Amino acid sequence: MVALAILSLTILILTYFGSSFTLTRNAQIDTQAQAFARSYFDTVRANWSSKQAFNAAVLPTLTPPSGFSNPTASLSAVQTIGTQVVLRRITLQFTGPQNRSYRFSTEVVLPPL
């Protein structure tokens, strides 16, 4: 009876640690995906810091971190005043390890003169 109790307790502890490692790994992958998206959006904002660059609307090239693939960035006009686009939305999509899909978006406003 004691051996069965010890065996049950051991299996319970090993199951807990196994699921804990999986959750930790998934959290690390999610954090890496968020860091990639944040870095890309920061690059866009830096490149579009002038009115001329914002109007050109050229997106930088995508270089995903190791383990991530199929990156695409799309651009859409969110708000215009007359014919001038004053707010753009950038959507970044890619696939991570374990075939998990990620989608991030941000909006960038026309910089002042």
Foldseek 3Di string as FASTA:
>chain_A
DVVVVVVVVVVVVVVVVVVVVVVVVVVVQVVLVVVLVVVQVVVQCVQQQALVSVVVPDGDDHDGDPQKDDKDKDKDQDDDDPPRRFKMKIKIWIAGHPRDIDIDMDMDGRHDD
